[in-house]
Amino acid sequence: MPQPILVNVTEEIVRGLVKFLLFGPEYQTFCHCEKCEMNILADVLNKLPSNYVSNEKTRSEVYKKLNTPIYINIVNKEIIRSIYNVGKNPGHTSLE
């Protein structure tokens, strides 16, 4: 029997897209510290519905269902909004 897991598929998708967008050419001047990245992730994940699964088969099904251009566009908009919000209030000084 496969090991049970607990995974938020939305979080997997958001983590990948945050990395992709944050380290892309549009945001080269944005702070790339772990604290800012986590603040962005938390902000975005609080705006989107969770999609928890407890096994790999269901994870694959939910991932396929969510990995559509429409959903990715919604997530990207939330990430961009969050990048700008965290950039205005990073929660640390430039010396940290």
PDB file of N, CA and C in Angstrom:
ATOM      1  N   MET A   1       0.840  -1.184   0.000  1.00  0.00           N
ATOM      2  CA  MET A   1       0.000   0.000   0.000  1.00  0.00           C
ATOM      3  C   MET A   1       0.886   1.248   0.000  1.00  0.00           C
ATOM      4  N   PRO A   2       0.588   2.219  -0.869  1.00  0.00           N
ATOM      5  CA  PRO A   2       1.404   3.440  -0.928  1.00  0.00           C
ATOM      6  C   PRO A   2       1.296   4.237   0.371  1.00  0.00           C
ATOM      7  N   GLN A   3       2.380   4.941   0.681  1.00  0.00           N
ATOM      8  CA  GLN A   3       2.406   5.784   1.860  1.00  0.00           C
ATOM      9  C   GLN A   3       1.401   6.929   1.702  1.00  0.00           C
ATOM     10  N   PRO A   4       0.635   7.229   2.742  1.00  0.00           N
ATOM     11  CA  PRO A   4      -0.264   8.386   2.660  1.00  0.00           C
ATOM     12  C   PRO A   4       0.534   9.683   2.667  1.00  0.00           C
ATOM     13  N   ILE A   5       0.019  10.661   2.003  1.00  0.00           N
ATOM     14  CA  ILE A   5       0.655  11.974   1.944  1.00  0.00           C
ATOM     15  C   ILE A   5      -0.410  13.023   2.249  1.00  0.00           C
ATOM     16  N   LEU A   6       0.001  14.218   2.510  1.00  0.00           N
ATOM     17  CA  LEU A   6      -0.915  15.342   2.622  1.00  0.00           C
ATOM     18  C   LEU A   6      -0.266  16.501   1.881  1.00  0.00           C
ATOM     19  N   VAL A   7      -0.846  16.847   0.759  1.00  0.00           N
ATOM     20  CA  VAL A   7      -0.262  17.854  -0.114  1.00  0.00           C
ATOM     21  C   VAL A   7      -1.339  18.849  -0.523  1.00  0.00           C
ATOM     22  N   ASN A   8      -0.985  20.138  -0.480  1.00  0.00           N
ATOM     23  CA  ASN A   8      -1.841  21.179  -1.023  1.00  0.00           C
ATOM     24  C   ASN A   8      -1.356  21.432  -2.449  1.00  0.00           C
ATOM     25  N   VAL A   9      -2.097  20.953  -3.420  1.00  0.00           N
ATOM     26  CA  VAL A   9      -1.688  21.065  -4.824  1.00  0.00           C
ATOM     27  C   VAL A   9      -1.616  22.530  -5.241  1.00  0.00           C
ATOM     28  N   THR A  10      -2.487  23.348  -4.711  1.00  0.00           N
ATOM     29  CA  THR A  10      -2.429  24.786  -5.001  1.00  0.00           C
ATOM     30  C   THR A  10      -1.071  25.341  -4.583  1.00  0.00           C
ATOM     31  N   GLU A  11      -0.591  24.933  -3.416  1.00  0.00           N
ATOM     32  CA  GLU A  11       0.713  25.412  -2.944  1.00  0.00           C
ATOM     33  C   GLU A  11       1.837  24.981  -3.878  1.00  0.00           C
ATOM     34  N   GLU A  12       1.791  23.762  -4.359  1.00  0.00           N
ATOM     35  CA  GLU A  12       2.819  23.305  -5.307  1.00  0.00           C
ATOM     36  C   GLU A  12       2.861  24.193  -6.543  1.00  0.00           C
ATOM     37  N   ILE A  13       1.704  24.494  -7.075  1.00  0.00           N
ATOM     38  CA  ILE A  13       1.619  25.320  -8.285  1.00  0.00           C
ATOM     39  C   ILE A  13       2.109  26.741  -7.981  1.00  0.00           C
ATOM     40  N   VAL A  14       1.643  27.308  -6.883  1.00  0.00           N
ATOM     41  CA  VAL A  14       2.008  28.682  -6.526  1.00  0.00           C
ATOM     42  C   VAL A  14       3.511  28.797  -6.269  1.00  0.00           C
ATOM     43  N   ARG A  15       4.091  27.845  -5.559  1.00  0.00           N
ATOM     44  CA  ARG A  15       5.543  27.888  -5.289  1.00  0.00           C
ATOM     45  C   ARG A  15       6.342  27.943  -6.587  1.00  0.00           C
ATOM     46  N   GLY A  16       5.978  27.109  -7.536  1.00  0.00           N
ATOM     47  CA  GLY A  16       6.693  27.091  -8.807  1.00  0.00           C
ATOM     48  C   GLY A  16       6.547  28.394  -9.570  1.00  0.00           C
ATOM     49  N   LEU A  17       5.340  28.930  -9.595  1.00  0.00           N
ATOM     50  CA  LEU A  17       5.107  30.168 -10.333  1.00  0.00           C
ATOM     51  C   LEU A  17       5.744  31.373  -9.647  1.00  0.00           C
ATOM     52  N   VAL A  18       5.769  31.393  -8.323  1.00  0.00           N
ATOM     53  CA  VAL A  18       6.434  32.496  -7.610  1.00  0.00           C
ATOM     54  C   VAL A  18       7.916  32.498  -7.959  1.00  0.00           C
ATOM     55  N   LYS A  19       8.548  31.348  -7.898  1.00  0.00           N
ATOM     56  CA  LYS A  19       9.978  31.260  -8.265  1.00  0.00           C
ATOM     57  C   LYS A  19      10.195  31.755  -9.697  1.00  0.00           C
ATOM     58  N   PHE A  20       9.357  31.283 -10.605  1.00  0.00           N
ATOM     59  CA  PHE A  20       9.502  31.635 -12.016  1.00  0.00           C
ATOM     60  C   PHE A  20       9.348  33.147 -12.210  1.00  0.00           C
ATOM     61  N   LEU A  21       8.299  33.735 -11.637  1.00  0.00           N
ATOM     62  CA  LEU A  21       8.060  35.162 -11.831  1.00  0.00           C
ATOM     63  C   LEU A  21       9.059  36.027 -11.068  1.00  0.00           C
ATOM     64  N   LEU A  22       9.315  35.675  -9.817  1.00  0.00           N
ATOM     65  CA  LEU A  22      10.179  36.496  -8.973  1.00  0.00           C
ATOM     66  C   LEU A  22      11.596  36.574  -9.509  1.00  0.00           C
ATOM     67  N   PHE A  23      12.080  35.511 -10.121  1.00  0.00           N
ATOM     68  CA  PHE A  23      13.446  35.507 -10.625  1.00  0.00           C
ATOM     69  C   PHE A  23      13.516  35.799 -12.119  1.00  0.00           C
ATOM     70  N   GLY A  24      12.383  36.216 -12.695  1.00  0.00           N
ATOM     71  CA  GLY A  24      12.347  36.609 -14.102  1.00  0.00           C
ATOM     72  C   GLY A  24      12.854  38.026 -14.288  1.00  0.00           C
ATOM     73  N   PRO A  25      13.004  38.463 -15.521  1.00  0.00           N
ATOM     74  CA  PRO A  25      13.582  39.783 -15.811  1.00  0.00           C
ATOM     75  C   PRO A  25      12.742  40.955 -15.306  1.00  0.00           C
ATOM     76  N   GLU A  26      11.433  40.773 -15.137  1.00  0.00           N
ATOM     77  CA  GLU A  26      10.577  41.884 -14.707  1.00  0.00           C
ATOM     78  C   GLU A  26      10.836  42.301 -13.262  1.00  0.00           C
ATOM     79  N   TYR A  27      11.344  41.382 -12.452  1.00  0.00           N
ATOM     80  CA  TYR A  27      11.492  41.647 -11.021  1.00  0.00           C
ATOM     81  C   TYR A  27      12.938  41.539 -10.552  1.00  0.00           C
ATOM     82  N   GLN A  28      13.881  41.897 -11.399  1.00  0.00           N
ATOM     83  CA  GLN A  28      15.301  41.821 -11.042  1.00  0.00           C
ATOM     84  C   GLN A  28      15.650  42.729  -9.874  1.00  0.00           C
ATOM     85  N   THR A  29      14.963  43.859  -9.743  1.00  0.00           N
ATOM     86  CA  THR A  29      15.284  44.804  -8.678  1.00  0.00           C
ATOM     87  C   THR A  29      14.518  44.514  -7.391  1.00  0.00           C
ATOM     88  N   PHE A  30      13.614  43.555  -7.412  1.00  0.00           N
ATOM     89  CA  PHE A  30      12.838  43.195  -6.231  1.00  0.00           C
ATOM     90  C   PHE A  30      13.706  42.376  -5.280  1.00  0.00           C
ATOM     91  N   CYS A  31      13.458  42.510  -3.979  1.00  0.00           N
ATOM     92  CA  CYS A  31      14.196  41.731  -2.982  1.00  0.00           C
ATOM     93  C   CYS A  31      13.884  40.243  -3.179  1.00  0.00           C
ATOM     94  N   HIS A  32      14.927  39.429  -3.265  1.00  0.00           N
ATOM     95  CA  HIS A  32      14.771  37.991  -3.483  1.00  0.00           C
ATOM     96  C   HIS A  32      15.077  37.183  -2.225  1.00  0.00           C
ATOM     97  N   CYS A  33      15.033  37.839  -1.055  1.00  0.00           N
ATOM     98  CA  CYS A  33      15.340  37.110   0.177  1.00  0.00           C
ATOM     99  C   CYS A  33      14.222  36.115   0.488  1.00  0.00           C
ATOM    100  N   GLU A  34      14.559  35.153   1.313  1.00  0.00           N
ATOM    101  CA  GLU A  34      13.598  34.103   1.667  1.00  0.00           C
ATOM    102  C   GLU A  34      12.376  34.670   2.383  1.00  0.00           C
ATOM    103  N   LYS A  35      12.582  35.688   3.208  1.00  0.00           N
ATOM    104  CA  LYS A  35      11.471  36.291   3.949  1.00  0.00           C
ATOM    105  C   LYS A  35      10.457  36.916   2.990  1.00  0.00           C
ATOM    106  N   CYS A  36      10.925  37.663   2.003  1.00  0.00           N
ATOM    107  CA  CYS A  36      10.010  38.274   1.036  1.00  0.00           C
ATOM    108  C   CYS A  36       9.298  37.201   0.197  1.00  0.00           C
ATOM    109  N   GLU A  37      10.045  36.178  -0.201  1.00  0.00           N
ATOM    110  CA  GLU A  37       9.437  35.102  -0.984  1.00  0.00           C
ATOM    111  C   GLU A  37       8.349  34.396  -0.169  1.00  0.00           C
ATOM    112  N   MET A  38       8.609  34.134   1.103  1.00  0.00           N
ATOM    113  CA  MET A  38       7.608  33.485   1.960  1.00  0.00           C
ATOM    114  C   MET A  38       6.401  34.389   2.185  1.00  0.00           C
ATOM    115  N   ASN A  39       6.639  35.703   2.323  1.00  0.00           N
ATOM    116  CA  ASN A  39       5.527  36.639   2.475  1.00  0.00           C
ATOM    117  C   ASN A  39       4.639  36.630   1.236  1.00  0.00           C
ATOM    118  N   ILE A  40       5.243  36.562   0.064  1.00  0.00           N
ATOM    119  CA  ILE A  40       4.481  36.487  -1.184  1.00  0.00           C
ATOM    120  C   ILE A  40       3.678  35.191  -1.221  1.00  0.00           C
ATOM    121  N   LEU A  41       4.338  34.074  -0.923  1.00  0.00           N
ATOM    122  CA  LEU A  41       3.645  32.781  -0.931  1.00  0.00           C
ATOM    123  C   LEU A  41       2.458  32.788   0.025  1.00  0.00           C
ATOM    124  N   ALA A  42       2.674  33.246   1.247  1.00  0.00           N
ATOM    125  CA  ALA A  42       1.600  33.259   2.238  1.00  0.00           C
ATOM    126  C   ALA A  42       0.440  34.131   1.772  1.00  0.00           C
ATOM    127  N   ASP A  43       0.760  35.305   1.252  1.00  0.00           N
ATOM    128  CA  ASP A  43      -0.279  36.225   0.785  1.00  0.00           C
ATOM    129  C   ASP A  43      -1.107  35.594  -0.331  1.00  0.00           C
ATOM    130  N   VAL A  44      -0.441  35.015  -1.305  1.00  0.00           N
ATOM    131  CA  VAL A  44      -1.147  34.413  -2.446  1.00  0.00           C
ATOM    132  C   VAL A  44      -1.972  33.218  -1.981  1.00  0.00           C
ATOM    133  N   LEU A  45      -1.386  32.356  -1.157  1.00  0.00           N
ATOM    134  CA  LEU A  45      -2.106  31.157  -0.713  1.00  0.00           C
ATOM    135  C   LEU A  45      -3.321  31.503   0.143  1.00  0.00           C
ATOM    136  N   ASN A  46      -3.282  32.629   0.830  1.00  0.00           N
ATOM    137  CA  ASN A  46      -4.450  33.056   1.598  1.00  0.00           C
ATOM    138  C   ASN A  46      -5.576  33.582   0.716  1.00  0.00           C
ATOM    139  N   LYS A  47      -5.272  33.893  -0.519  1.00  0.00           N
ATOM    140  CA  LYS A  47      -6.284  34.406  -1.454  1.00  0.00           C
ATOM    141  C   LYS A  47      -6.916  33.304  -2.315  1.00  0.00           C
ATOM    142  N   LEU A  48      -6.247  32.160  -2.405  1.00  0.00           N
ATOM    143  CA  LEU A  48      -6.709  31.075  -3.280  1.00  0.00           C
ATOM    144  C   LEU A  48      -7.253  29.912  -2.455  1.00  0.00           C
ATOM    145  N   PRO A  49      -8.193  29.159  -3.016  1.00  0.00           N
ATOM    146  CA  PRO A  49      -8.689  27.990  -2.288  1.00  0.00           C
ATOM    147  C   PRO A  49      -7.629  26.892  -2.226  1.00  0.00           C
ATOM    148  N   SER A  50      -7.584  26.214  -1.080  1.00  0.00           N
ATOM    149  CA  SER A  50      -6.668  25.076  -0.915  1.00  0.00           C
ATOM    150  C   SER A  50      -7.216  23.867  -1.661  1.00  0.00           C
ATOM    151  N   ASN A  51      -6.315  23.005  -2.086  1.00  0.00           N
ATOM    152  CA  ASN A  51      -6.689  21.753  -2.739  1.00  0.00           C
ATOM    153  C   ASN A  51      -5.819  20.638  -2.172  1.00  0.00           C
ATOM    154  N   TYR A  52      -6.166  20.200  -0.960  1.00  0.00           N
ATOM    155  CA  TYR A  52      -5.402  19.149  -0.296  1.00  0.00           C
ATOM    156  C   TYR A  52      -5.804  17.782  -0.818  1.00  0.00           C
ATOM    157  N   VAL A  53      -4.810  16.928  -0.949  1.00  0.00           N
ATOM    158  CA  VAL A  53      -5.025  15.535  -1.347  1.00  0.00           C
ATOM    159  C   VAL A  53      -4.205  14.640  -0.425  1.00  0.00           C
ATOM    160  N   SER A  54      -4.582  13.350  -0.392  1.00  0.00           N
ATOM    161  CA  SER A  54      -3.898  12.445   0.527  1.00  0.00           C
ATOM    162  C   SER A  54      -3.245  11.255  -0.164  1.00  0.00           C
ATOM    163  N   ASN A  55      -3.214  11.297  -1.494  1.00  0.00           N
ATOM    164  CA  ASN A  55      -2.480  10.237  -2.205  1.00  0.00           C
ATOM    165  C   ASN A  55      -2.026  10.757  -3.561  1.00  0.00           C
ATOM    166  N   GLU A  56      -1.062  10.068  -4.126  1.00  0.00           N
ATOM    167  CA  GLU A  56      -0.427  10.526  -5.364  1.00  0.00           C
ATOM    168  C   GLU A  56      -1.388  10.507  -6.551  1.00  0.00           C
ATOM    169  N   LYS A  57      -2.272   9.517  -6.608  1.00  0.00           N
ATOM    170  CA  LYS A  57      -3.217   9.439  -7.723  1.00  0.00           C
ATOM    171  C   LYS A  57      -4.131  10.664  -7.747  1.00  0.00           C
ATOM    172  N   THR A  58      -4.682  10.992  -6.590  1.00  0.00           N
ATOM    173  CA  THR A  58      -5.549  12.169  -6.503  1.00  0.00           C
ATOM    174  C   THR A  58      -4.756  13.440  -6.765  1.00  0.00           C
ATOM    175  N   ARG A  59      -3.509  13.495  -6.287  1.00  0.00           N
ATOM    176  CA  ARG A  59      -2.662  14.657  -6.538  1.00  0.00           C
ATOM    177  C   ARG A  59      -2.508  14.899  -8.023  1.00  0.00           C
ATOM    178  N   SER A  60      -2.236  13.845  -8.773  1.00  0.00           N
ATOM    179  CA  SER A  60      -2.076  13.967 -10.220  1.00  0.00           C
ATOM    180  C   SER A  60      -3.357  14.454 -10.885  1.00  0.00           C
ATOM    181  N   GLU A  61      -4.482  13.936 -10.444  1.00  0.00           N
ATOM    182  CA  GLU A  61      -5.772  14.345 -11.010  1.00  0.00           C
ATOM    183  C   GLU A  61      -6.064  15.821 -10.735  1.00  0.00           C
ATOM    184  N   VAL A  62      -5.844  16.236  -9.488  1.00  0.00           N
ATOM    185  CA  VAL A  62      -6.105  17.635  -9.121  1.00  0.00           C
ATOM    186  C   VAL A  62      -5.122  18.556  -9.834  1.00  0.00           C
ATOM    187  N   TYR A  63      -3.865  18.140  -9.940  1.00  0.00           N
ATOM    188  CA  TYR A  63      -2.866  18.956 -10.640  1.00  0.00           C
ATOM    189  C   TYR A  63      -3.285  19.177 -12.096  1.00  0.00           C
ATOM    190  N   LYS A  64      -3.721  18.125 -12.754  1.00  0.00           N
ATOM    191  CA  LYS A  64      -4.179  18.257 -14.151  1.00  0.00           C
ATOM    192  C   LYS A  64      -5.378  19.188 -14.244  1.00  0.00           C
ATOM    193  N   LYS A  65      -6.294  19.077 -13.277  1.00  0.00           N
ATOM    194  CA  LYS A  65      -7.488  19.925 -13.280  1.00  0.00           C
ATOM    195  C   LYS A  65      -7.127  21.400 -13.093  1.00  0.00           C
ATOM    196  N   LEU A  66      -6.129  21.674 -12.239  1.00  0.00           N
ATOM    197  CA  LEU A  66      -5.751  23.056 -11.949  1.00  0.00           C
ATOM    198  C   LEU A  66      -4.771  23.644 -12.957  1.00  0.00           C
ATOM    199  N   ASN A  67      -3.986  22.815 -13.578  1.00  0.00           N
ATOM    200  CA  ASN A  67      -2.936  23.290 -14.472  1.00  0.00           C
ATOM    201  C   ASN A  67      -3.516  23.647 -15.846  1.00  0.00           C
ATOM    202  N   THR A  68      -4.374  24.664 -15.836  1.00  0.00           N
ATOM    203  CA  THR A  68      -5.001  25.141 -17.070  1.00  0.00           C
ATOM    204  C   THR A  68      -4.615  26.602 -17.277  1.00  0.00           C
ATOM    205  N   PRO A  69      -4.669  27.087 -18.506  1.00  0.00           N
ATOM    206  CA  PRO A  69      -4.328  28.497 -18.743  1.00  0.00           C
ATOM    207  C   PRO A  69      -5.179  29.463 -17.925  1.00  0.00           C
ATOM    208  N   ILE A  70      -6.445  29.171 -17.742  1.00  0.00           N
ATOM    209  CA  ILE A  70      -7.323  30.073 -16.984  1.00  0.00           C
ATOM    210  C   ILE A  70      -6.885  30.143 -15.520  1.00  0.00           C
ATOM    211  N   TYR A  71      -6.643  28.992 -14.901  1.00  0.00           N
ATOM    212  CA  TYR A  71      -6.246  28.971 -13.496  1.00  0.00           C
ATOM    213  C   TYR A  71      -4.854  29.580 -13.311  1.00  0.00           C
ATOM    214  N   ILE A  72      -3.935  29.260 -14.188  1.00  0.00           N
ATOM    215  CA  ILE A  72      -2.580  29.817 -14.097  1.00  0.00           C
ATOM    216  C   ILE A  72      -2.627  31.335 -14.226  1.00  0.00           C
ATOM    217  N   ASN A  73      -3.488  31.853 -15.078  1.00  0.00           N
ATOM    218  CA  ASN A  73      -3.650  33.296 -15.230  1.00  0.00           C
ATOM    219  C   ASN A  73      -4.158  33.922 -13.926  1.00  0.00           C
ATOM    220  N   ILE A  74      -5.111  33.277 -13.272  1.00  0.00           N
ATOM    221  CA  ILE A  74      -5.624  33.764 -11.984  1.00  0.00           C
ATOM    222  C   ILE A  74      -4.504  33.783 -10.953  1.00  0.00           C
ATOM    223  N   VAL A  75      -3.733  32.702 -10.884  1.00  0.00           N
ATOM    224  CA  VAL A  75      -2.630  32.611  -9.927  1.00  0.00           C
ATOM    225  C   VAL A  75      -1.573  33.669 -10.233  1.00  0.00           C
ATOM    226  N   ASN A  76      -1.223  33.826 -11.493  1.00  0.00           N
ATOM    227  CA  ASN A  76      -0.218  34.834 -11.874  1.00  0.00           C
ATOM    228  C   ASN A  76      -0.646  36.230 -11.449  1.00  0.00           C
ATOM    229  N   LYS A  77      -1.912  36.568 -11.636  1.00  0.00           N
ATOM    230  CA  LYS A  77      -2.404  37.891 -11.231  1.00  0.00           C
ATOM    231  C   LYS A  77      -2.265  38.085  -9.726  1.00  0.00           C
ATOM    232  N   GLU A  78      -2.580  37.052  -8.948  1.00  0.00           N
ATOM    233  CA  GLU A  78      -2.435  37.137  -7.496  1.00  0.00           C
ATOM    234  C   GLU A  78      -0.966  37.287  -7.091  1.00  0.00           C
ATOM    235  N   ILE A  79      -0.101  36.563  -7.781  1.00  0.00           N
ATOM    236  CA  ILE A  79       1.339  36.650  -7.470  1.00  0.00           C
ATOM    237  C   ILE A  79       1.865  38.042  -7.779  1.00  0.00           C
ATOM    238  N   ILE A  80       1.525  38.574  -8.919  1.00  0.00           N
ATOM    239  CA  ILE A  80       1.984  39.915  -9.305  1.00  0.00           C
ATOM    240  C   ILE A  80       1.469  40.956  -8.318  1.00  0.00           C
ATOM    241  N   ARG A  81       0.208  40.849  -7.926  1.00  0.00           N
ATOM    242  CA  ARG A  81      -0.357  41.768  -6.936  1.00  0.00           C
ATOM    243  C   ARG A  81       0.426  41.665  -5.626  1.00  0.00           C
ATOM    244  N   SER A  82       0.715  40.451  -5.221  1.00  0.00           N
ATOM    245  CA  SER A  82       1.428  40.228  -3.976  1.00  0.00           C
ATOM    246  C   SER A  82       2.878  40.718  -4.052  1.00  0.00           C
ATOM    247  N   ILE A  83       3.542  40.520  -5.171  1.00  0.00           N
ATOM    248  CA  ILE A  83       4.915  41.013  -5.335  1.00  0.00           C
ATOM    249  C   ILE A  83       4.951  42.526  -5.119  1.00  0.00           C
ATOM    250  N   TYR A  84       4.005  43.231  -5.704  1.00  0.00           N
ATOM    251  CA  TYR A  84       3.975  44.684  -5.537  1.00  0.00           C
ATOM    252  C   TYR A  84       3.657  45.070  -4.093  1.00  0.00           C
ATOM    253  N   ASN A  85       2.721  44.362  -3.453  1.00  0.00           N
ATOM    254  CA  ASN A  85       2.381  44.676  -2.066  1.00  0.00           C
ATOM    255  C   ASN A  85       3.551  44.407  -1.129  1.00  0.00           C
ATOM    256  N   VAL A  86       4.204  43.280  -1.276  1.00  0.00           N
ATOM    257  CA  VAL A  86       5.350  42.952  -0.425  1.00  0.00           C
ATOM    258  C   VAL A  86       6.510  43.894  -0.732  1.00  0.00           C
ATOM    259  N   GLY A  87       6.667  44.278  -1.988  1.00  0.00           N
ATOM    260  CA  GLY A  87       7.722  45.213  -2.360  1.00  0.00           C
ATOM    261  C   GLY A  87       7.548  46.569  -1.692  1.00  0.00           C
ATOM    262  N   LYS A  88       6.301  46.993  -1.515  1.00  0.00           N
ATOM    263  CA  LYS A  88       6.035  48.264  -0.848  1.00  0.00           C
ATOM    264  C   LYS A  88       6.265  48.162   0.644  1.00  0.00           C
ATOM    265  N   ASN A  89       6.009  46.992   1.219  1.00  0.00           N
ATOM    266  CA  ASN A  89       6.150  46.751   2.661  1.00  0.00           C
ATOM    267  C   ASN A  89       6.861  45.435   2.895  1.00  0.00           C
ATOM    268  N   PRO A  90       8.168  45.380   2.674  1.00  0.00           N
ATOM    269  CA  PRO A  90       8.868  44.098   2.726  1.00  0.00           C
ATOM    270  C   PRO A  90       8.959  43.460   4.103  1.00  0.00           C
ATOM    271  N   GLY A  91       8.714  44.183   5.162  1.00  0.00           N
ATOM    272  CA  GLY A  91       8.773  43.591   6.492  1.00  0.00           C
ATOM    273  C   GLY A  91      10.190  43.506   7.043  1.00  0.00           C
ATOM    274  N   HIS A  92      11.139  44.124   6.368  1.00  0.00           N
ATOM    275  CA  HIS A  92      12.517  44.199   6.850  1.00  0.00           C
ATOM    276  C   HIS A  92      13.179  45.414   6.234  1.00  0.00           C
ATOM    277  N   THR A  93      14.287  45.816   6.843  1.00  0.00           N
ATOM    278  CA  THR A  93      15.034  46.939   6.288  1.00  0.00           C
ATOM    279  C   THR A  93      15.981  46.425   5.229  1.00  0.00           C
ATOM    280  N   SER A  94      16.529  47.309   4.450  1.00  0.00           N
ATOM    281  CA  SER A  94      17.455  46.886   3.394  1.00  0.00           C
ATOM    282  C   SER A  94      18.749  46.326   3.960  1.00  0.00           C
ATOM    283  N   LEU A  95      18.998  46.520   5.264  1.00  0.00           N
ATOM    284  CA  LEU A  95      20.228  46.014   5.887  1.00  0.00           C
ATOM    285  C   LEU A  95      20.087  44.580   6.408  1.00  0.00           C
ATOM    286  N   GLU A  96      18.870  44.079   6.471  1.00  0.00           N
ATOM    287  CA  GLU A  96      18.665  42.721   6.993  1.00  0.00           C
ATOM    288  C   GLU A  96      18.982  41.688   5.955  1.00  0.00           C
TER     289      GLU A  96
END
